[in-house]
């Protein structure tokens, strides 16, 4: 299944694991250290890494929708 949307819900603890796993999709805000999803990324090219980041998030706030 193709990933069509990725988002991060409230509650990021800024541990950076998502950015470590998949820096092409996830960035870290310079001021807060909180994670964000980069715009314009082909999520399907990084589907396995997105799923790994979601499962590895200690507060389980990385979400994605599949088609």
PDB file of N, CA and C in Angstrom:
ATOM      1  N   UNK A   1       0.833  -1.188   0.000  1.00  0.00           N
ATOM      2  CA  UNK A   1       0.000   0.000   0.000  1.00  0.00           C
ATOM      3  C   UNK A   1       0.878   1.252   0.000  1.00  0.00           C
ATOM      4  N   UNK A   2       0.406   2.267  -0.662  1.00  0.00           N
ATOM      5  CA  UNK A   2       1.148   3.520  -0.788  1.00  0.00           C
ATOM      6  C   UNK A   2       0.815   4.467   0.366  1.00  0.00           C
ATOM      7  N   UNK A   3       1.827   5.142   0.862  1.00  0.00           N
ATOM      8  CA  UNK A   3       1.618   6.143   1.904  1.00  0.00           C
ATOM      9  C   UNK A   3       1.225   7.449   1.236  1.00  0.00           C
ATOM     10  N   UNK A   4       0.065   7.988   1.615  1.00  0.00           N
ATOM     11  CA  UNK A   4      -0.406   9.225   0.999  1.00  0.00           C
ATOM     12  C   UNK A   4      -0.281  10.437   1.916  1.00  0.00           C
ATOM     13  N   UNK A   5      -0.128  10.216   3.224  1.00  0.00           N
ATOM     14  CA  UNK A   5      -0.044  11.333   4.167  1.00  0.00           C
ATOM     15  C   UNK A   5       0.764  10.907   5.385  1.00  0.00           C
ATOM     16  N   UNK A   6       1.582  11.830   5.896  1.00  0.00           N
ATOM     17  CA  UNK A   6       2.349  11.607   7.121  1.00  0.00           C
ATOM     18  C   UNK A   6       2.193  12.847   7.983  1.00  0.00           C
ATOM     19  N   UNK A   7       1.980  12.658   9.290  1.00  0.00           N
ATOM     20  CA  UNK A   7       1.874  13.806  10.186  1.00  0.00           C
ATOM     21  C   UNK A   7       2.353  13.419  11.584  1.00  0.00           C
ATOM     22  N   UNK A   8       2.598  14.443  12.382  1.00  0.00           N
ATOM     23  CA  UNK A   8       3.042  14.262  13.762  1.00  0.00           C
ATOM     24  C   UNK A   8       2.029  14.950  14.662  1.00  0.00           C
ATOM     25  N   UNK A   9       1.469  14.192  15.578  1.00  0.00           N
ATOM     26  CA  UNK A   9       0.486  14.747  16.502  1.00  0.00           C
ATOM     27  C   UNK A   9       1.196  15.499  17.628  1.00  0.00           C
ATOM     28  N   UNK A  10       0.418  16.205  18.431  1.00  0.00           N
ATOM     29  CA  UNK A  10       0.974  16.944  19.568  1.00  0.00           C
ATOM     30  C   UNK A  10       1.650  15.999  20.550  1.00  0.00           C
ATOM     31  N   UNK A  11       2.688  16.511  21.198  1.00  0.00           N
ATOM     32  CA  UNK A  11       3.334  15.748  22.253  1.00  0.00           C
ATOM     33  C   UNK A  11       4.753  15.312  21.946  1.00  0.00           C
ATOM     34  N   UNK A  12       5.346  15.888  20.901  1.00  0.00           N
ATOM     35  CA  UNK A  12       6.723  15.532  20.543  1.00  0.00           C
ATOM     36  C   UNK A  12       7.659  15.847  21.717  1.00  0.00           C
ATOM     37  N   UNK A  13       8.519  14.889  22.052  1.00  0.00           N
ATOM     38  CA  UNK A  13       9.478  15.092  23.138  1.00  0.00           C
ATOM     39  C   UNK A  13      10.875  15.427  22.610  1.00  0.00           C
ATOM     40  N   UNK A  14      10.966  15.635  21.313  1.00  0.00           N
ATOM     41  CA  UNK A  14      12.198  16.110  20.667  1.00  0.00           C
ATOM     42  C   UNK A  14      13.395  15.191  20.893  1.00  0.00           C
ATOM     43  N   UNK A  15      13.178  13.887  20.801  1.00  0.00           N
ATOM     44  CA  UNK A  15      14.309  12.975  20.940  1.00  0.00           C
ATOM     45  C   UNK A  15      15.056  12.769  19.627  1.00  0.00           C
ATOM     46  N   UNK A  16      14.412  13.106  18.495  1.00  0.00           N
ATOM     47  CA  UNK A  16      15.077  13.092  17.198  1.00  0.00           C
ATOM     48  C   UNK A  16      15.206  11.745  16.518  1.00  0.00           C
ATOM     49  N   UNK A  17      14.601  10.698  17.062  1.00  0.00           N
ATOM     50  CA  UNK A  17      14.763   9.373  16.462  1.00  0.00           C
ATOM     51  C   UNK A  17      14.186   9.310  15.058  1.00  0.00           C
ATOM     52  N   UNK A  18      13.090  10.024  14.801  1.00  0.00           N
ATOM     53  CA  UNK A  18      12.499  10.009  13.456  1.00  0.00           C
ATOM     54  C   UNK A  18      13.467  10.609  12.444  1.00  0.00           C
ATOM     55  N   UNK A  19      14.127  11.688  12.822  1.00  0.00           N
ATOM     56  CA  UNK A  19      15.102  12.328  11.954  1.00  0.00           C
ATOM     57  C   UNK A  19      16.318  11.435  11.745  1.00  0.00           C
ATOM     58  N   UNK A  20      16.706  10.697  12.764  1.00  0.00           N
ATOM     59  CA  UNK A  20      17.826   9.761  12.628  1.00  0.00           C
ATOM     60  C   UNK A  20      17.486   8.635  11.656  1.00  0.00           C
ATOM     61  N   UNK A  21      16.261   8.138  11.726  1.00  0.00           N
ATOM     62  CA  UNK A  21      15.825   7.023  10.889  1.00  0.00           C
ATOM     63  C   UNK A  21      15.539   7.464   9.458  1.00  0.00           C
ATOM     64  N   UNK A  22      14.894   8.617   9.309  1.00  0.00           N
ATOM     65  CA  UNK A  22      14.442   9.052   7.980  1.00  0.00           C
ATOM     66  C   UNK A  22      14.572  10.573   7.806  1.00  0.00           C
ATOM     67  N   UNK A  23      15.793  11.073   7.668  1.00  0.00           N
ATOM     68  CA  UNK A  23      15.992  12.517   7.541  1.00  0.00           C
ATOM     69  C   UNK A  23      15.417  13.107   6.255  1.00  0.00           C
ATOM     70  N   UNK A  24      15.111  12.281   5.271  1.00  0.00           N
ATOM     71  CA  UNK A  24      14.511  12.784   4.035  1.00  0.00           C
ATOM     72  C   UNK A  24      13.072  13.236   4.257  1.00  0.00           C
ATOM     73  N   UNK A  25      12.407  12.677   5.286  1.00  0.00           N
ATOM     74  CA  UNK A  25      11.005  12.980   5.554  1.00  0.00           C
ATOM     75  C   UNK A  25      10.820  13.841   6.795  1.00  0.00           C
ATOM     76  N   UNK A  26      11.636  13.604   7.824  1.00  0.00           N
ATOM     77  CA  UNK A  26      11.458  14.293   9.097  1.00  0.00           C
ATOM     78  C   UNK A  26      12.596  15.274   9.366  1.00  0.00           C
ATOM     79  N   UNK A  27      12.222  16.457   9.836  1.00  0.00           N
ATOM     80  CA  UNK A  27      13.193  17.459  10.235  1.00  0.00           C
ATOM     81  C   UNK A  27      12.978  17.814  11.689  1.00  0.00           C
ATOM     82  N   UNK A  28      13.905  18.582  12.237  1.00  0.00           N
ATOM     83  CA  UNK A  28      13.799  19.039  13.624  1.00  0.00           C
ATOM     84  C   UNK A  28      13.822  20.564  13.633  1.00  0.00           C
ATOM     85  N   UNK A  29      12.859  21.157  14.296  1.00  0.00           N
ATOM     86  CA  UNK A  29      12.763  22.613  14.395  1.00  0.00           C
ATOM     87  C   UNK A  29      13.984  23.155  15.145  1.00  0.00           C
ATOM     88  N   UNK A  30      14.621  24.159  14.578  1.00  0.00           N
ATOM     89  CA  UNK A  30      15.827  24.736  15.182  1.00  0.00           C
ATOM     90  C   UNK A  30      15.568  25.355  16.554  1.00  0.00           C
ATOM     91  N   UNK A  31      14.379  25.907  16.757  1.00  0.00           N
ATOM     92  CA  UNK A  31      14.080  26.585  18.021  1.00  0.00           C
ATOM     93  C   UNK A  31      13.590  25.631  19.109  1.00  0.00           C
ATOM     94  N   UNK A  32      12.671  24.749  18.751  1.00  0.00           N
ATOM     95  CA  UNK A  32      12.057  23.880  19.769  1.00  0.00           C
ATOM     96  C   UNK A  32      12.647  22.482  19.812  1.00  0.00           C
ATOM     97  N   UNK A  33      13.279  22.069  18.729  1.00  0.00           N
ATOM     98  CA  UNK A  33      13.800  20.706  18.650  1.00  0.00           C
ATOM     99  C   UNK A  33      12.731  19.693  18.278  1.00  0.00           C
ATOM    100  N   UNK A  34      11.479  20.145  18.164  1.00  0.00           N
ATOM    101  CA  UNK A  34      10.390  19.235  17.832  1.00  0.00           C
ATOM    102  C   UNK A  34      10.458  18.825  16.367  1.00  0.00           C
ATOM    103  N   UNK A  35       9.978  17.626  16.109  1.00  0.00           N
ATOM    104  CA  UNK A  35       9.997  17.080  14.760  1.00  0.00           C
ATOM    105  C   UNK A  35       8.870  17.654  13.905  1.00  0.00           C
ATOM    106  N   UNK A  36       9.102  17.666  12.611  1.00  0.00           N
ATOM    107  CA  UNK A  36       8.079  18.050  11.644  1.00  0.00           C
ATOM    108  C   UNK A  36       8.262  17.201  10.392  1.00  0.00           C
ATOM    109  N   UNK A  37       7.218  17.146   9.578  1.00  0.00           N
ATOM    110  CA  UNK A  37       7.255  16.424   8.313  1.00  0.00           C
ATOM    111  C   UNK A  37       7.609  17.421   7.212  1.00  0.00           C
ATOM    112  N   UNK A  38       8.615  17.091   6.428  1.00  0.00           N
ATOM    113  CA  UNK A  38       9.041  17.966   5.342  1.00  0.00           C
ATOM    114  C   UNK A  38       8.007  17.943   4.216  1.00  0.00           C
ATOM    115  N   UNK A  39       7.870  19.070   3.539  1.00  0.00           N
ATOM    116  CA  UNK A  39       6.921  19.191   2.440  1.00  0.00           C
ATOM    117  C   UNK A  39       7.563  18.754   1.129  1.00  0.00           C
ATOM    118  N   UNK A  40       6.726  18.268   0.222  1.00  0.00           N
ATOM    119  CA  UNK A  40       7.182  17.940  -1.120  1.00  0.00           C
ATOM    120  C   UNK A  40       7.949  16.634  -1.234  1.00  0.00           C
ATOM    121  N   UNK A  41       7.854  15.787  -0.240  1.00  0.00           N
ATOM    122  CA  UNK A  41       8.577  14.518  -0.240  1.00  0.00           C
ATOM    123  C   UNK A  41       7.687  13.420  -0.813  1.00  0.00           C
ATOM    124  N   UNK A  42       8.269  12.540  -1.629  1.00  0.00           N
ATOM    125  CA  UNK A  42       7.556  11.361  -2.110  1.00  0.00           C
ATOM    126  C   UNK A  42       7.592  10.321  -0.993  1.00  0.00           C
ATOM    127  N   UNK A  43       6.530  10.266  -0.212  1.00  0.00           N
ATOM    128  CA  UNK A  43       6.492   9.375   0.951  1.00  0.00           C
ATOM    129  C   UNK A  43       6.700   7.909   0.573  1.00  0.00           C
ATOM    130  N   UNK A  44       6.248   7.526  -0.600  1.00  0.00           N
ATOM    131  CA  UNK A  44       6.374   6.124  -1.006  1.00  0.00           C
ATOM    132  C   UNK A  44       7.824   5.696  -1.184  1.00  0.00           C
ATOM    133  N   UNK A  45       8.679   6.633  -1.511  1.00  0.00           N
ATOM    134  CA  UNK A  45      10.100   6.317  -1.662  1.00  0.00           C
ATOM    135  C   UNK A  45      10.742   5.970  -0.319  1.00  0.00           C
ATOM    136  N   UNK A  46      10.080   6.366   0.765  1.00  0.00           N
ATOM    137  CA  UNK A  46      10.628   6.154   2.104  1.00  0.00           C
ATOM    138  C   UNK A  46       9.649   5.397   3.012  1.00  0.00           C
ATOM    139  N   UNK A  47       8.756   4.643   2.423  1.00  0.00           N
ATOM    140  CA  UNK A  47       7.676   3.993   3.179  1.00  0.00           C
ATOM    141  C   UNK A  47       8.197   3.143   4.331  1.00  0.00           C
ATOM    142  N   UNK A  48       9.196   2.327   4.096  1.00  0.00           N
ATOM    143  CA  UNK A  48       9.719   1.461   5.163  1.00  0.00           C
ATOM    144  C   UNK A  48      10.313   2.278   6.301  1.00  0.00           C
ATOM    145  N   UNK A  49      11.035   3.352   5.960  1.00  0.00           N
ATOM    146  CA  UNK A  49      11.639   4.201   6.989  1.00  0.00           C
ATOM    147  C   UNK A  49      10.574   4.979   7.769  1.00  0.00           C
ATOM    148  N   UNK A  50       9.523   5.412   7.092  1.00  0.00           N
ATOM    149  CA  UNK A  50       8.430   6.110   7.773  1.00  0.00           C
ATOM    150  C   UNK A  50       7.764   5.178   8.779  1.00  0.00           C
ATOM    151  N   UNK A  51       7.513   3.962   8.365  1.00  0.00           N
ATOM    152  CA  UNK A  51       6.894   2.978   9.264  1.00  0.00           C
ATOM    153  C   UNK A  51       7.808   2.673  10.449  1.00  0.00           C
ATOM    154  N   UNK A  52       9.104   2.544  10.191  1.00  0.00           N
ATOM    155  CA  UNK A  52      10.055   2.292  11.273  1.00  0.00           C
ATOM    156  C   UNK A  52      10.095   3.469  12.250  1.00  0.00           C
ATOM    157  N   UNK A  53      10.105   4.689  11.722  1.00  0.00           N
ATOM    158  CA  UNK A  53      10.111   5.877  12.578  1.00  0.00           C
ATOM    159  C   UNK A  53       8.846   5.931  13.427  1.00  0.00           C
ATOM    160  N   UNK A  54       7.710   5.622  12.821  1.00  0.00           N
ATOM    161  CA  UNK A  54       6.446   5.626  13.552  1.00  0.00           C
ATOM    162  C   UNK A  54       6.468   4.616  14.694  1.00  0.00           C
ATOM    163  N   UNK A  55       6.962   3.424  14.409  1.00  0.00           N
ATOM    164  CA  UNK A  55       7.019   2.367  15.425  1.00  0.00           C
ATOM    165  C   UNK A  55       8.070   2.658  16.492  1.00  0.00           C
ATOM    166  N   UNK A  56       9.116   3.402  16.136  1.00  0.00           N
ATOM    167  CA  UNK A  56      10.210   3.689  17.063  1.00  0.00           C
ATOM    168  C   UNK A  56       9.975   4.918  17.924  1.00  0.00           C
ATOM    169  N   UNK A  57       9.010   5.741  17.556  1.00  0.00           N
ATOM    170  CA  UNK A  57       8.729   6.964  18.311  1.00  0.00           C
ATOM    171  C   UNK A  57       8.333   6.598  19.743  1.00  0.00           C
ATOM    172  N   UNK A  58       9.049   7.123  20.743  1.00  0.00           N
ATOM    173  CA  UNK A  58       8.753   6.752  22.121  1.00  0.00           C
ATOM    174  C   UNK A  58       7.387   7.205  22.623  1.00  0.00           C
ATOM    175  N   UNK A  59       6.810   8.220  21.984  1.00  0.00           N
ATOM    176  CA  UNK A  59       5.479   8.684  22.397  1.00  0.00           C
ATOM    177  C   UNK A  59       4.408   8.356  21.353  1.00  0.00           C
ATOM    178  N   UNK A  60       4.795   7.610  20.323  1.00  0.00           N
ATOM    179  CA  UNK A  60       3.873   7.082  19.308  1.00  0.00           C
ATOM    180  C   UNK A  60       2.961   8.140  18.691  1.00  0.00           C
ATOM    181  N   UNK A  61       3.558   9.262  18.260  1.00  0.00           N
ATOM    182  CA  UNK A  61       2.762  10.344  17.682  1.00  0.00           C
ATOM    183  C   UNK A  61       2.983  10.537  16.189  1.00  0.00           C
ATOM    184  N   UNK A  62       3.825   9.717  15.584  1.00  0.00           N
ATOM    185  CA  UNK A  62       4.023   9.792  14.140  1.00  0.00           C
ATOM    186  C   UNK A  62       2.977   8.904  13.478  1.00  0.00           C
ATOM    187  N   UNK A  63       2.160   9.519  12.637  1.00  0.00           N
ATOM    188  CA  UNK A  63       1.039   8.810  12.004  1.00  0.00           C
ATOM    189  C   UNK A  63       1.167   8.885  10.484  1.00  0.00           C
ATOM    190  N   UNK A  64       0.559   7.942   9.820  1.00  0.00           N
ATOM    191  CA  UNK A  64       0.533   7.953   8.356  1.00  0.00           C
ATOM    192  C   UNK A  64      -0.728   7.253   7.862  1.00  0.00           C
ATOM    193  N   UNK A  65      -1.170   7.659   6.671  1.00  0.00           N
ATOM    194  CA  UNK A  65      -2.308   7.045   5.994  1.00  0.00           C
ATOM    195  C   UNK A  65      -1.808   6.331   4.755  1.00  0.00           C
ATOM    196  N   UNK A  66      -2.347   5.159   4.532  1.00  0.00           N
ATOM    197  CA  UNK A  66      -2.028   4.393   3.332  1.00  0.00           C
ATOM    198  C   UNK A  66      -3.245   4.324   2.435  1.00  0.00           C
ATOM    199  N   UNK A  67      -3.017   4.220   1.137  1.00  0.00           N
ATOM    200  CA  UNK A  67      -4.107   4.066   0.169  1.00  0.00           C
ATOM    201  C   UNK A  67      -4.491   2.618   0.068  1.00  0.00           C
TER     202      UNK A  67
END
